[in-house]
């Protein structure tokens, strides 16, 4: 497996642990629908949270969450709609982004952006 895939997997595991520590329940990981994938689907306070995890070895060019453009948002929203249908769920959905970046010492830092975008932002 490529090194960047290993780093991405590590970032997703760290994000899940982070969410669990904050009291979130993890419903599913790596939900795929057509060309879309939702990294983590969690529950918290009567919400279903769709989490996109972005990891970078450095923020030299841009912050990881800036990689979530309109196309990516559309894919996530489409997959979220399908998940909610398949699971027959009717809770409110929130879209979060978790970014994972090394700090100056190399320690991985997690930034959680709640309500990073709305479904209508994908249009």
PDB file of N, CA and C in Angstrom:
ATOM      1  N   UNK A   1       0.851  -1.188   0.000  1.00  0.00           N
ATOM      2  CA  UNK A   1       0.000   0.000   0.000  1.00  0.00           C
ATOM      3  C   UNK A   1       0.886   1.238   0.000  1.00  0.00           C
ATOM      4  N   UNK A   2       0.480   2.255  -0.709  1.00  0.00           N
ATOM      5  CA  UNK A   2       1.258   3.485  -0.791  1.00  0.00           C
ATOM      6  C   UNK A   2       1.310   4.182   0.562  1.00  0.00           C
ATOM      7  N   UNK A   3       2.418   4.903   0.783  1.00  0.00           N
ATOM      8  CA  UNK A   3       2.620   5.578   2.063  1.00  0.00           C
ATOM      9  C   UNK A   3       1.514   6.588   2.355  1.00  0.00           C
ATOM     10  N   UNK A   4       1.035   7.313   1.314  1.00  0.00           N
ATOM     11  CA  UNK A   4      -0.025   8.293   1.546  1.00  0.00           C
ATOM     12  C   UNK A   4      -1.325   7.602   1.949  1.00  0.00           C
ATOM     13  N   UNK A   5      -1.562   6.374   1.458  1.00  0.00           N
ATOM     14  CA  UNK A   5      -2.749   5.625   1.882  1.00  0.00           C
ATOM     15  C   UNK A   5      -2.643   5.225   3.344  1.00  0.00           C
ATOM     16  N   UNK A   6      -1.434   4.819   3.762  1.00  0.00           N
ATOM     17  CA  UNK A   6      -1.210   4.481   5.169  1.00  0.00           C
ATOM     18  C   UNK A   6      -1.464   5.700   6.055  1.00  0.00           C
ATOM     19  N   UNK A   7      -0.976   6.861   5.625  1.00  0.00           N
ATOM     20  CA  UNK A   7      -1.167   8.090   6.395  1.00  0.00           C
ATOM     21  C   UNK A   7      -2.650   8.446   6.458  1.00  0.00           C
ATOM     22  N   UNK A   8      -3.359   8.266   5.346  1.00  0.00           N
ATOM     23  CA  UNK A   8      -4.795   8.531   5.317  1.00  0.00           C
ATOM     24  C   UNK A   8      -5.551   7.618   6.272  1.00  0.00           C
ATOM     25  N   UNK A   9      -5.171   6.341   6.294  1.00  0.00           N
ATOM     26  CA  UNK A   9      -5.816   5.398   7.217  1.00  0.00           C
ATOM     27  C   UNK A   9      -5.535   5.775   8.660  1.00  0.00           C
ATOM     28  N   UNK A  10      -4.282   6.134   8.947  1.00  0.00           N
ATOM     29  CA  UNK A  10      -3.919   6.568  10.294  1.00  0.00           C
ATOM     30  C   UNK A  10      -4.744   7.788  10.692  1.00  0.00           C
ATOM     31  N   UNK A  11      -4.877   8.743   9.771  1.00  0.00           N
ATOM     32  CA  UNK A  11      -5.654   9.956  10.056  1.00  0.00           C
ATOM     33  C   UNK A  11      -7.108   9.605  10.371  1.00  0.00           C
ATOM     34  N   UNK A  12      -7.692   8.666   9.625  1.00  0.00           N
ATOM     35  CA  UNK A  12      -9.078   8.272   9.881  1.00  0.00           C
ATOM     36  C   UNK A  12      -9.214   7.587  11.234  1.00  0.00           C
ATOM     37  N   UNK A  13      -8.253   6.756  11.597  1.00  0.00           N
ATOM     38  CA  UNK A  13      -8.295   6.101  12.913  1.00  0.00           C
ATOM     39  C   UNK A  13      -8.164   7.132  14.040  1.00  0.00           C
ATOM     40  N   UNK A  14      -7.271   8.097  13.853  1.00  0.00           N
ATOM     41  CA  UNK A  14      -7.127   9.169  14.849  1.00  0.00           C
ATOM     42  C   UNK A  14      -8.411   9.989  14.954  1.00  0.00           C
ATOM     43  N   UNK A  15      -9.045  10.260  13.813  1.00  0.00           N
ATOM     44  CA  UNK A  15     -10.293  11.032  13.799  1.00  0.00           C
ATOM     45  C   UNK A  15     -11.397  10.272  14.526  1.00  0.00           C
ATOM     46  N   UNK A  16     -11.485   8.957  14.304  1.00  0.00           N
ATOM     47  CA  UNK A  16     -12.502   8.168  15.006  1.00  0.00           C
ATOM     48  C   UNK A  16     -12.268   8.187  16.513  1.00  0.00           C
ATOM     49  N   UNK A  17     -11.029   8.015  16.929  1.00  0.00           N
ATOM     50  CA  UNK A  17     -10.706   8.054  18.365  1.00  0.00           C
ATOM     51  C   UNK A  17     -11.035   9.422  18.949  1.00  0.00           C
ATOM     52  N   UNK A  18     -10.712  10.470  18.216  1.00  0.00           N
ATOM     53  CA  UNK A  18     -11.010  11.843  18.639  1.00  0.00           C
ATOM     54  C   UNK A  18     -12.512  12.027  18.843  1.00  0.00           C
ATOM     55  N   UNK A  19     -13.300  11.570  17.868  1.00  0.00           N
ATOM     56  CA  UNK A  19     -14.760  11.704  17.966  1.00  0.00           C
ATOM     57  C   UNK A  19     -15.318  10.896  19.136  1.00  0.00           C
ATOM     58  N   UNK A  20     -14.828   9.682  19.311  1.00  0.00           N
ATOM     59  CA  UNK A  20     -15.277   8.854  20.439  1.00  0.00           C
ATOM     60  C   UNK A  20     -14.987   9.546  21.764  1.00  0.00           C
ATOM     61  N   UNK A  21     -13.795  10.141  21.875  1.00  0.00           N
ATOM     62  CA  UNK A  21     -13.419  10.865  23.098  1.00  0.00           C
ATOM     63  C   UNK A  21     -14.352  12.045  23.363  1.00  0.00           C
ATOM     64  N   UNK A  22     -14.924  12.618  22.307  1.00  0.00           N
ATOM     65  CA  UNK A  22     -15.859  13.736  22.448  1.00  0.00           C
ATOM     66  C   UNK A  22     -17.300  13.268  22.672  1.00  0.00           C
ATOM     67  N   UNK A  23     -17.508  11.948  22.730  1.00  0.00           N
ATOM     68  CA  UNK A  23     -18.833  11.418  22.997  1.00  0.00           C
ATOM     69  C   UNK A  23     -19.651  11.045  21.776  1.00  0.00           C
ATOM     70  N   UNK A  24     -19.029  11.057  20.606  1.00  0.00           N
ATOM     71  CA  UNK A  24     -19.717  10.665  19.381  1.00  0.00           C
ATOM     72  C   UNK A  24     -19.766   9.133  19.295  1.00  0.00           C
ATOM     73  N   UNK A  25     -20.819   8.623  18.683  1.00  0.00           N
ATOM     74  CA  UNK A  25     -20.879   7.204  18.373  1.00  0.00           C
ATOM     75  C   UNK A  25     -20.492   7.020  16.919  1.00  0.00           C
ATOM     76  N   UNK A  26     -19.681   6.034  16.641  1.00  0.00           N
ATOM     77  CA  UNK A  26     -19.286   5.758  15.256  1.00  0.00           C
ATOM     78  C   UNK A  26     -20.281   4.755  14.676  1.00  0.00           C
ATOM     79  N   UNK A  27     -20.976   5.170  13.630  1.00  0.00           N
ATOM     80  CA  UNK A  27     -21.976   4.313  12.986  1.00  0.00           C
ATOM     81  C   UNK A  27     -21.325   3.471  11.898  1.00  0.00           C
ATOM     82  N   UNK A  28     -20.481   4.103  11.102  1.00  0.00           N
ATOM     83  CA  UNK A  28     -19.906   3.415   9.933  1.00  0.00           C
ATOM     84  C   UNK A  28     -18.657   4.153   9.474  1.00  0.00           C
ATOM     85  N   UNK A  29     -17.766   3.414   8.847  1.00  0.00           N
ATOM     86  CA  UNK A  29     -16.567   4.010   8.239  1.00  0.00           C
ATOM     87  C   UNK A  29     -16.544   3.650   6.765  1.00  0.00           C
ATOM     88  N   UNK A  30     -16.024   4.557   5.973  1.00  0.00           N
ATOM     89  CA  UNK A  30     -15.790   4.331   4.545  1.00  0.00           C
ATOM     90  C   UNK A  30     -17.037   3.846   3.800  1.00  0.00           C
ATOM     91  N   UNK A  31     -18.135   4.578   3.980  1.00  0.00           N
ATOM     92  CA  UNK A  31     -19.364   4.271   3.248  1.00  0.00           C
ATOM     93  C   UNK A  31     -19.190   4.741   1.814  1.00  0.00           C
ATOM     94  N   UNK A  32     -19.402   3.822   0.875  1.00  0.00           N
ATOM     95  CA  UNK A  32     -19.233   4.150  -0.540  1.00  0.00           C
ATOM     96  C   UNK A  32     -20.562   4.071  -1.271  1.00  0.00           C
ATOM     97  N   UNK A  33     -20.753   5.024  -2.160  1.00  0.00           N
ATOM     98  CA  UNK A  33     -21.904   5.027  -3.046  1.00  0.00           C
ATOM     99  C   UNK A  33     -21.474   5.659  -4.356  1.00  0.00           C
ATOM    100  N   UNK A  34     -21.569   4.901  -5.440  1.00  0.00           N
ATOM    101  CA  UNK A  34     -21.102   5.329  -6.756  1.00  0.00           C
ATOM    102  C   UNK A  34     -19.653   5.812  -6.646  1.00  0.00           C
ATOM    103  N   UNK A  35     -19.380   7.066  -6.991  1.00  0.00           N
ATOM    104  CA  UNK A  35     -18.008   7.576  -6.944  1.00  0.00           C
ATOM    105  C   UNK A  35     -17.685   8.263  -5.620  1.00  0.00           C
ATOM    106  N   UNK A  36     -18.618   8.226  -4.694  1.00  0.00           N
ATOM    107  CA  UNK A  36     -18.461   8.971  -3.447  1.00  0.00           C
ATOM    108  C   UNK A  36     -18.092   8.059  -2.282  1.00  0.00           C
ATOM    109  N   UNK A  37     -17.427   8.653  -1.310  1.00  0.00           N
ATOM    110  CA  UNK A  37     -17.130   7.949  -0.067  1.00  0.00           C
ATOM    111  C   UNK A  37     -17.260   8.931   1.088  1.00  0.00           C
ATOM    112  N   UNK A  38     -17.863   8.453   2.160  1.00  0.00           N
ATOM    113  CA  UNK A  38     -17.901   9.215   3.411  1.00  0.00           C
ATOM    114  C   UNK A  38     -16.954   8.497   4.355  1.00  0.00           C
ATOM    115  N   UNK A  39     -15.962   9.219   4.854  1.00  0.00           N
ATOM    116  CA  UNK A  39     -14.925   8.604   5.679  1.00  0.00           C
ATOM    117  C   UNK A  39     -15.491   8.052   6.990  1.00  0.00           C
ATOM    118  N   UNK A  40     -16.267   8.880   7.689  1.00  0.00           N
ATOM    119  CA  UNK A  40     -16.832   8.468   8.972  1.00  0.00           C
ATOM    120  C   UNK A  40     -18.271   8.957   9.049  1.00  0.00           C
ATOM    121  N   UNK A  41     -19.160   8.080   9.486  1.00  0.00           N
ATOM    122  CA  UNK A  41     -20.531   8.467   9.789  1.00  0.00           C
ATOM    123  C   UNK A  41     -20.702   8.245  11.286  1.00  0.00           C
ATOM    124  N   UNK A  42     -21.078   9.304  11.973  1.00  0.00           N
ATOM    125  CA  UNK A  42     -21.167   9.257  13.433  1.00  0.00           C
ATOM    126  C   UNK A  42     -22.527   9.779  13.895  1.00  0.00           C
ATOM    127  N   UNK A  43     -22.796   9.564  15.164  1.00  0.00           N
ATOM    128  CA  UNK A  43     -24.011  10.120  15.758  1.00  0.00           C
ATOM    129  C   UNK A  43     -23.619  10.964  16.965  1.00  0.00           C
ATOM    130  N   UNK A  44     -24.375  12.025  17.156  1.00  0.00           N
ATOM    131  CA  UNK A  44     -24.130  12.911  18.295  1.00  0.00           C
ATOM    132  C   UNK A  44     -25.343  13.811  18.463  1.00  0.00           C
ATOM    133  N   UNK A  45     -25.895  13.837  19.660  1.00  0.00           N
ATOM    134  CA  UNK A  45     -26.986  14.747  20.002  1.00  0.00           C
ATOM    135  C   UNK A  45     -28.114  14.741  18.969  1.00  0.00           C
ATOM    136  N   UNK A  46     -28.656  13.576  18.687  1.00  0.00           N
ATOM    137  CA  UNK A  46     -29.775  13.416  17.747  1.00  0.00           C
ATOM    138  C   UNK A  46     -29.443  13.833  16.319  1.00  0.00           C
ATOM    139  N   UNK A  47     -28.162  13.855  15.970  1.00  0.00           N
ATOM    140  CA  UNK A  47     -27.729  14.188  14.616  1.00  0.00           C
ATOM    141  C   UNK A  47     -26.970  12.999  14.027  1.00  0.00           C
ATOM    142  N   UNK A  48     -26.990  12.907  12.721  1.00  0.00           N
ATOM    143  CA  UNK A  48     -26.076  12.012  12.018  1.00  0.00           C
ATOM    144  C   UNK A  48     -25.014  12.917  11.408  1.00  0.00           C
ATOM    145  N   UNK A  49     -23.768  12.630  11.737  1.00  0.00           N
ATOM    146  CA  UNK A  49     -22.660  13.485  11.314  1.00  0.00           C
ATOM    147  C   UNK A  49     -21.876  12.774  10.216  1.00  0.00           C
ATOM    148  N   UNK A  50     -21.780  13.412   9.064  1.00  0.00           N
ATOM    149  CA  UNK A  50     -20.979  12.917   7.952  1.00  0.00           C
ATOM    150  C   UNK A  50     -19.629  13.628   8.032  1.00  0.00           C
ATOM    151  N   UNK A  51     -18.562  12.857   8.209  1.00  0.00           N
ATOM    152  CA  UNK A  51     -17.248  13.449   8.451  1.00  0.00           C
ATOM    153  C   UNK A  51     -16.293  13.126   7.304  1.00  0.00           C
ATOM    154  N   UNK A  52     -15.743  14.160   6.733  1.00  0.00           N
ATOM    155  CA  UNK A  52     -14.683  14.035   5.732  1.00  0.00           C
ATOM    156  C   UNK A  52     -13.360  14.263   6.460  1.00  0.00           C
ATOM    157  N   UNK A  53     -12.447  13.312   6.348  1.00  0.00           N
ATOM    158  CA  UNK A  53     -11.137  13.423   6.991  1.00  0.00           C
ATOM    159  C   UNK A  53     -10.120  13.812   5.931  1.00  0.00           C
ATOM    160  N   UNK A  54      -9.399  14.870   6.191  1.00  0.00           N
ATOM    161  CA  UNK A  54      -8.357  15.342   5.280  1.00  0.00           C
ATOM    162  C   UNK A  54      -7.037  15.380   6.037  1.00  0.00           C
ATOM    163  N   UNK A  55      -6.028  14.743   5.462  1.00  0.00           N
ATOM    164  CA  UNK A  55      -4.717  14.703   6.094  1.00  0.00           C
ATOM    165  C   UNK A  55      -3.665  15.168   5.105  1.00  0.00           C
ATOM    166  N   UNK A  56      -2.703  15.887   5.604  1.00  0.00           N
ATOM    167  CA  UNK A  56      -1.589  16.355   4.791  1.00  0.00           C
ATOM    168  C   UNK A  56      -0.311  16.233   5.613  1.00  0.00           C
ATOM    169  N   UNK A  57       0.786  16.013   4.924  1.00  0.00           N
ATOM    170  CA  UNK A  57       2.086  15.951   5.589  1.00  0.00           C
ATOM    171  C   UNK A  57       2.549  17.343   5.998  1.00  0.00           C
ATOM    172  N   UNK A  58       2.001  18.373   5.321  1.00  0.00           N
ATOM    173  CA  UNK A  58       2.327  19.758   5.682  1.00  0.00           C
ATOM    174  C   UNK A  58       1.220  20.668   5.159  1.00  0.00           C
ATOM    175  N   UNK A  59       1.176  21.884   5.707  1.00  0.00           N
ATOM    176  CA  UNK A  59       0.184  22.855   5.227  1.00  0.00           C
ATOM    177  C   UNK A  59       0.859  23.929   4.380  1.00  0.00           C
ATOM    178  N   UNK A  60       1.964  23.559   3.733  1.00  0.00           N
ATOM    179  CA  UNK A  60       2.757  24.520   2.968  1.00  0.00           C
ATOM    180  C   UNK A  60       1.941  25.207   1.873  1.00  0.00           C
ATOM    181  N   UNK A  61       1.032  24.495   1.232  1.00  0.00           N
ATOM    182  CA  UNK A  61       0.291  25.075   0.121  1.00  0.00           C
ATOM    183  C   UNK A  61      -1.113  25.513   0.517  1.00  0.00           C
ATOM    184  N   UNK A  62      -1.792  24.689   1.294  1.00  0.00           N
ATOM    185  CA  UNK A  62      -3.123  25.044   1.778  1.00  0.00           C
ATOM    186  C   UNK A  62      -3.504  24.115   2.914  1.00  0.00           C
ATOM    187  N   UNK A  63      -4.489  24.544   3.679  1.00  0.00           N
ATOM    188  CA  UNK A  63      -4.993  23.739   4.776  1.00  0.00           C
ATOM    189  C   UNK A  63      -5.735  22.524   4.210  1.00  0.00           C
ATOM    190  N   UNK A  64      -5.687  21.386   4.880  1.00  0.00           N
ATOM    191  CA  UNK A  64      -6.347  20.188   4.351  1.00  0.00           C
ATOM    192  C   UNK A  64      -7.829  20.380   4.036  1.00  0.00           C
ATOM    193  N   UNK A  65      -8.549  21.095   4.898  1.00  0.00           N
ATOM    194  CA  UNK A  65      -9.990  21.253   4.668  1.00  0.00           C
ATOM    195  C   UNK A  65     -10.303  22.061   3.406  1.00  0.00           C
ATOM    196  N   UNK A  66      -9.326  22.817   2.920  1.00  0.00           N
ATOM    197  CA  UNK A  66      -9.545  23.591   1.696  1.00  0.00           C
ATOM    198  C   UNK A  66      -9.653  22.703   0.457  1.00  0.00           C
ATOM    199  N   UNK A  67      -9.303  21.419   0.599  1.00  0.00           N
ATOM    200  CA  UNK A  67      -9.408  20.474  -0.516  1.00  0.00           C
ATOM    201  C   UNK A  67     -10.848  19.999  -0.718  1.00  0.00           C
ATOM    202  N   UNK A  68     -11.740  20.369   0.182  1.00  0.00           N
ATOM    203  CA  UNK A  68     -13.150  19.977   0.044  1.00  0.00           C
ATOM    204  C   UNK A  68     -13.853  21.059  -0.781  1.00  0.00           C
ATOM    205  N   UNK A  69     -13.849  20.838  -2.097  1.00  0.00           N
ATOM    206  CA  UNK A  69     -14.458  21.791  -3.022  1.00  0.00           C
ATOM    207  C   UNK A  69     -15.929  21.418  -3.280  1.00  0.00           C
ATOM    208  N   UNK A  70     -16.575  22.177  -4.156  1.00  0.00           N
ATOM    209  CA  UNK A  70     -17.999  21.922  -4.441  1.00  0.00           C
ATOM    210  C   UNK A  70     -18.237  20.526  -5.007  1.00  0.00           C
ATOM    211  N   UNK A  71     -17.356  20.060  -5.852  1.00  0.00           N
ATOM    212  CA  UNK A  71     -17.514  18.721  -6.418  1.00  0.00           C
ATOM    213  C   UNK A  71     -17.473  17.669  -5.308  1.00  0.00           C
ATOM    214  N   UNK A  72     -16.504  17.795  -4.407  1.00  0.00           N
ATOM    215  CA  UNK A  72     -16.388  16.858  -3.293  1.00  0.00           C
ATOM    216  C   UNK A  72     -17.624  16.954  -2.391  1.00  0.00           C
ATOM    217  N   UNK A  73     -18.087  18.174  -2.142  1.00  0.00           N
ATOM    218  CA  UNK A  73     -19.293  18.360  -1.335  1.00  0.00           C
ATOM    219  C   UNK A  73     -20.486  17.646  -1.962  1.00  0.00           C
ATOM    220  N   UNK A  74     -20.642  17.801  -3.285  1.00  0.00           N
ATOM    221  CA  UNK A  74     -21.757  17.135  -3.987  1.00  0.00           C
ATOM    222  C   UNK A  74     -21.689  15.626  -3.818  1.00  0.00           C
ATOM    223  N   UNK A  75     -20.495  15.072  -3.962  1.00  0.00           N
ATOM    224  CA  UNK A  75     -20.326  13.629  -3.800  1.00  0.00           C
ATOM    225  C   UNK A  75     -20.694  13.186  -2.383  1.00  0.00           C
ATOM    226  N   UNK A  76     -20.242  13.930  -1.397  1.00  0.00           N
ATOM    227  CA  UNK A  76     -20.538  13.593   0.001  1.00  0.00           C
ATOM    228  C   UNK A  76     -22.039  13.692   0.271  1.00  0.00           C
ATOM    229  N   UNK A  77     -22.674  14.746  -0.212  1.00  0.00           N
ATOM    230  CA  UNK A  77     -24.119  14.927  -0.009  1.00  0.00           C
ATOM    231  C   UNK A  77     -24.894  13.799  -0.685  1.00  0.00           C
ATOM    232  N   UNK A  78     -24.496  13.425  -1.893  1.00  0.00           N
ATOM    233  CA  UNK A  78     -25.158  12.326  -2.599  1.00  0.00           C
ATOM    234  C   UNK A  78     -25.037  11.029  -1.815  1.00  0.00           C
ATOM    235  N   UNK A  79     -23.835  10.740  -1.328  1.00  0.00           N
ATOM    236  CA  UNK A  79     -23.621   9.521  -0.538  1.00  0.00           C
ATOM    237  C   UNK A  79     -24.389   9.582   0.778  1.00  0.00           C
ATOM    238  N   UNK A  80     -24.446  10.757   1.397  1.00  0.00           N
ATOM    239  CA  UNK A  80     -25.195  10.915   2.650  1.00  0.00           C
ATOM    240  C   UNK A  80     -26.677  10.637   2.432  1.00  0.00           C
ATOM    241  N   UNK A  81     -27.227  11.181   1.343  1.00  0.00           N
ATOM    242  CA  UNK A  81     -28.642  10.914   1.017  1.00  0.00           C
ATOM    243  C   UNK A  81     -28.883   9.420   0.864  1.00  0.00           C
ATOM    244  N   UNK A  82     -27.992   8.744   0.152  1.00  0.00           N
ATOM    245  CA  UNK A  82     -28.146   7.310  -0.070  1.00  0.00           C
ATOM    246  C   UNK A  82     -28.045   6.536   1.248  1.00  0.00           C
ATOM    247  N   UNK A  83     -27.086   6.903   2.083  1.00  0.00           N
ATOM    248  CA  UNK A  83     -26.940   6.230   3.380  1.00  0.00           C
ATOM    249  C   UNK A  83     -28.219   6.379   4.200  1.00  0.00           C
ATOM    250  N   UNK A  84     -28.741   7.592   4.254  1.00  0.00           N
ATOM    251  CA  UNK A  84     -29.946   7.841   5.053  1.00  0.00           C
ATOM    252  C   UNK A  84     -31.128   7.018   4.522  1.00  0.00           C
ATOM    253  N   UNK A  85     -31.227   6.891   3.186  1.00  0.00           N
ATOM    254  CA  UNK A  85     -32.292   6.069   2.584  1.00  0.00           C
ATOM    255  C   UNK A  85     -32.092   4.594   2.910  1.00  0.00           C
ATOM    256  N   UNK A  86     -30.879   4.096   2.672  1.00  0.00           N
ATOM    257  CA  UNK A  86     -30.593   2.676   2.906  1.00  0.00           C
ATOM    258  C   UNK A  86     -30.852   2.270   4.355  1.00  0.00           C
ATOM    259  N   UNK A  87     -30.511   3.149   5.269  1.00  0.00           N
ATOM    260  CA  UNK A  87     -30.638   2.845   6.697  1.00  0.00           C
ATOM    261  C   UNK A  87     -31.979   3.288   7.277  1.00  0.00           C
ATOM    262  N   UNK A  88     -32.837   3.860   6.411  1.00  0.00           N
ATOM    263  CA  UNK A  88     -34.157   4.328   6.828  1.00  0.00           C
ATOM    264  C   UNK A  88     -34.069   5.248   8.050  1.00  0.00           C
ATOM    265  N   UNK A  89     -33.169   6.214   7.957  1.00  0.00           N
ATOM    266  CA  UNK A  89     -32.942   7.174   9.050  1.00  0.00           C
ATOM    267  C   UNK A  89     -33.563   8.507   8.672  1.00  0.00           C
ATOM    268  N   UNK A  90     -34.018   9.229   9.683  1.00  0.00           N
ATOM    269  CA  UNK A  90     -34.629  10.532   9.400  1.00  0.00           C
ATOM    270  C   UNK A  90     -34.097  11.648  10.300  1.00  0.00           C
ATOM    271  N   UNK A  91     -32.947  11.402  10.959  1.00  0.00           N
ATOM    272  CA  UNK A  91     -32.363  12.459  11.776  1.00  0.00           C
ATOM    273  C   UNK A  91     -31.819  13.582  10.895  1.00  0.00           C
ATOM    274  N   UNK A  92     -31.581  14.705  11.530  1.00  0.00           N
ATOM    275  CA  UNK A  92     -30.925  15.804  10.831  1.00  0.00           C
ATOM    276  C   UNK A  92     -29.476  15.414  10.568  1.00  0.00           C
ATOM    277  N   UNK A  93     -28.938  15.854   9.432  1.00  0.00           N
ATOM    278  CA  UNK A  93     -27.569  15.522   9.031  1.00  0.00           C
ATOM    279  C   UNK A  93     -26.694  16.765   9.128  1.00  0.00           C
ATOM    280  N   UNK A  94     -25.484  16.563   9.640  1.00  0.00           N
ATOM    281  CA  UNK A  94     -24.500  17.648   9.698  1.00  0.00           C
ATOM    282  C   UNK A  94     -23.236  17.174   8.980  1.00  0.00           C
ATOM    283  N   UNK A  95     -22.589  18.091   8.291  1.00  0.00           N
ATOM    284  CA  UNK A  95     -21.373  17.776   7.543  1.00  0.00           C
ATOM    285  C   UNK A  95     -20.176  18.441   8.211  1.00  0.00           C
ATOM    286  N   UNK A  96     -19.253  17.617   8.705  1.00  0.00           N
ATOM    287  CA  UNK A  96     -18.057  18.096   9.388  1.00  0.00           C
ATOM    288  C   UNK A  96     -16.818  17.724   8.581  1.00  0.00           C
ATOM    289  N   UNK A  97     -15.736  18.434   8.860  1.00  0.00           N
ATOM    290  CA  UNK A  97     -14.427  18.093   8.303  1.00  0.00           C
ATOM    291  C   UNK A  97     -13.450  17.983   9.467  1.00  0.00           C
ATOM    292  N   UNK A  98     -12.659  16.939   9.443  1.00  0.00           N
ATOM    293  CA  UNK A  98     -11.561  16.813  10.403  1.00  0.00           C
ATOM    294  C   UNK A  98     -10.270  16.834   9.599  1.00  0.00           C
ATOM    295  N   UNK A  99      -9.381  17.758   9.964  1.00  0.00           N
ATOM    296  CA  UNK A  99      -8.083  17.794   9.295  1.00  0.00           C
ATOM    297  C   UNK A  99      -7.011  17.312  10.261  1.00  0.00           C
ATOM    298  N   UNK A 100      -6.042  16.622   9.704  1.00  0.00           N
ATOM    299  CA  UNK A 100      -4.934  16.071  10.482  1.00  0.00           C
ATOM    300  C   UNK A 100      -3.643  16.570   9.842  1.00  0.00           C
ATOM    301  N   UNK A 101      -2.871  17.271  10.642  1.00  0.00           N
ATOM    302  CA  UNK A 101      -1.600  17.861  10.186  1.00  0.00           C
ATOM    303  C   UNK A 101      -0.536  17.692  11.260  1.00  0.00           C
ATOM    304  N   UNK A 102       0.708  17.479  10.877  1.00  0.00           N
ATOM    305  CA  UNK A 102       1.768  17.458  11.887  1.00  0.00           C
ATOM    306  C   UNK A 102       2.101  18.875  12.342  1.00  0.00           C
ATOM    307  N   UNK A 103       2.380  19.025  13.651  1.00  0.00           N
ATOM    308  CA  UNK A 103       2.825  20.329  14.143  1.00  0.00           C
ATOM    309  C   UNK A 103       4.336  20.444  13.915  1.00  0.00           C
ATOM    310  N   UNK A 104       4.954  21.474  14.450  1.00  0.00           N
ATOM    311  CA  UNK A 104       6.381  21.719  14.227  1.00  0.00           C
ATOM    312  C   UNK A 104       7.255  20.570  14.726  1.00  0.00           C
ATOM    313  N   UNK A 105       6.763  19.835  15.726  1.00  0.00           N
ATOM    314  CA  UNK A 105       7.542  18.720  16.277  1.00  0.00           C
ATOM    315  C   UNK A 105       7.235  17.396  15.583  1.00  0.00           C
ATOM    316  N   UNK A 106       6.252  17.402  14.670  1.00  0.00           N
ATOM    317  CA  UNK A 106       5.871  16.183  13.977  1.00  0.00           C
ATOM    318  C   UNK A 106       4.671  15.482  14.595  1.00  0.00           C
ATOM    319  N   UNK A 107       4.226  15.968  15.764  1.00  0.00           N
ATOM    320  CA  UNK A 107       3.039  15.389  16.406  1.00  0.00           C
ATOM    321  C   UNK A 107       1.806  15.743  15.571  1.00  0.00           C
ATOM    322  N   UNK A 108       0.931  14.764  15.359  1.00  0.00           N
ATOM    323  CA  UNK A 108      -0.262  15.004  14.545  1.00  0.00           C
ATOM    324  C   UNK A 108      -1.314  15.763  15.337  1.00  0.00           C
ATOM    325  N   UNK A 109      -1.766  16.853  14.758  1.00  0.00           N
ATOM    326  CA  UNK A 109      -2.783  17.713  15.362  1.00  0.00           C
ATOM    327  C   UNK A 109      -4.092  17.533  14.619  1.00  0.00           C
ATOM    328  N   UNK A 110      -5.185  17.486  15.384  1.00  0.00           N
ATOM    329  CA  UNK A 110      -6.512  17.309  14.799  1.00  0.00           C
ATOM    330  C   UNK A 110      -7.288  18.610  14.944  1.00  0.00           C
ATOM    331  N   UNK A 111      -7.891  19.039  13.840  1.00  0.00           N
ATOM    332  CA  UNK A 111      -8.794  20.187  13.853  1.00  0.00           C
ATOM    333  C   UNK A 111     -10.159  19.708  13.384  1.00  0.00           C
ATOM    334  N   UNK A 112     -11.166  19.930  14.214  1.00  0.00           N
ATOM    335  CA  UNK A 112     -12.531  19.487  13.899  1.00  0.00           C
ATOM    336  C   UNK A 112     -13.363  20.712  13.546  1.00  0.00           C
ATOM    337  N   UNK A 113     -13.840  20.746  12.316  1.00  0.00           N
ATOM    338  CA  UNK A 113     -14.692  21.856  11.866  1.00  0.00           C
ATOM    339  C   UNK A 113     -16.121  21.321  11.803  1.00  0.00           C
ATOM    340  N   UNK A 114     -16.913  21.691  12.796  1.00  0.00           N
ATOM    341  CA  UNK A 114     -18.314  21.284  12.831  1.00  0.00           C
ATOM    342  C   UNK A 114     -19.113  22.153  11.867  1.00  0.00           C
ATOM    343  N   UNK A 115     -20.114  21.550  11.237  1.00  0.00           N
ATOM    344  CA  UNK A 115     -20.948  22.271  10.259  1.00  0.00           C
ATOM    345  C   UNK A 115     -20.071  22.969   9.222  1.00  0.00           C
ATOM    346  N   UNK A 116     -19.118  22.228   8.683  1.00  0.00           N
ATOM    347  CA  UNK A 116     -18.165  22.792   7.719  1.00  0.00           C
ATOM    348  C   UNK A 116     -18.857  23.265   6.451  1.00  0.00           C
ATOM    349  N   UNK A 117     -19.934  22.580   6.080  1.00  0.00           N
ATOM    350  CA  UNK A 117     -20.723  23.011   4.942  1.00  0.00           C
ATOM    351  C   UNK A 117     -22.137  22.468   5.084  1.00  0.00           C
ATOM    352  N   UNK A 118     -23.037  23.040   4.316  1.00  0.00           N
ATOM    353  CA  UNK A 118     -24.435  22.610   4.283  1.00  0.00           C
ATOM    354  C   UNK A 118     -24.683  21.908   2.955  1.00  0.00           C
ATOM    355  N   UNK A 119     -25.703  21.072   2.908  1.00  0.00           N
ATOM    356  CA  UNK A 119     -26.022  20.359   1.667  1.00  0.00           C
ATOM    357  C   UNK A 119     -26.226  21.339   0.521  1.00  0.00           C
ATOM    358  N   UNK A 120     -26.834  22.479   0.805  1.00  0.00           N
ATOM    359  CA  UNK A 120     -27.105  23.460  -0.264  1.00  0.00           C
ATOM    360  C   UNK A 120     -25.820  24.099  -0.788  1.00  0.00           C
ATOM    361  N   UNK A 121     -24.726  24.058  -0.022  1.00  0.00           N
ATOM    362  CA  UNK A 121     -23.451  24.600  -0.483  1.00  0.00           C
ATOM    363  C   UNK A 121     -22.882  23.803  -1.646  1.00  0.00           C
ATOM    364  N   UNK A 122     -23.343  22.559  -1.795  1.00  0.00           N
ATOM    365  CA  UNK A 122     -22.828  21.688  -2.843  1.00  0.00           C
ATOM    366  C   UNK A 122     -23.387  22.028  -4.221  1.00  0.00           C
ATOM    367  N   UNK A 123     -24.396  22.857  -4.265  1.00  0.00           N
ATOM    368  CA  UNK A 123     -25.010  23.240  -5.562  1.00  0.00           C
ATOM    369  C   UNK A 123     -24.271  24.368  -6.225  1.00  0.00           C
TER     370      UNK A 123
END
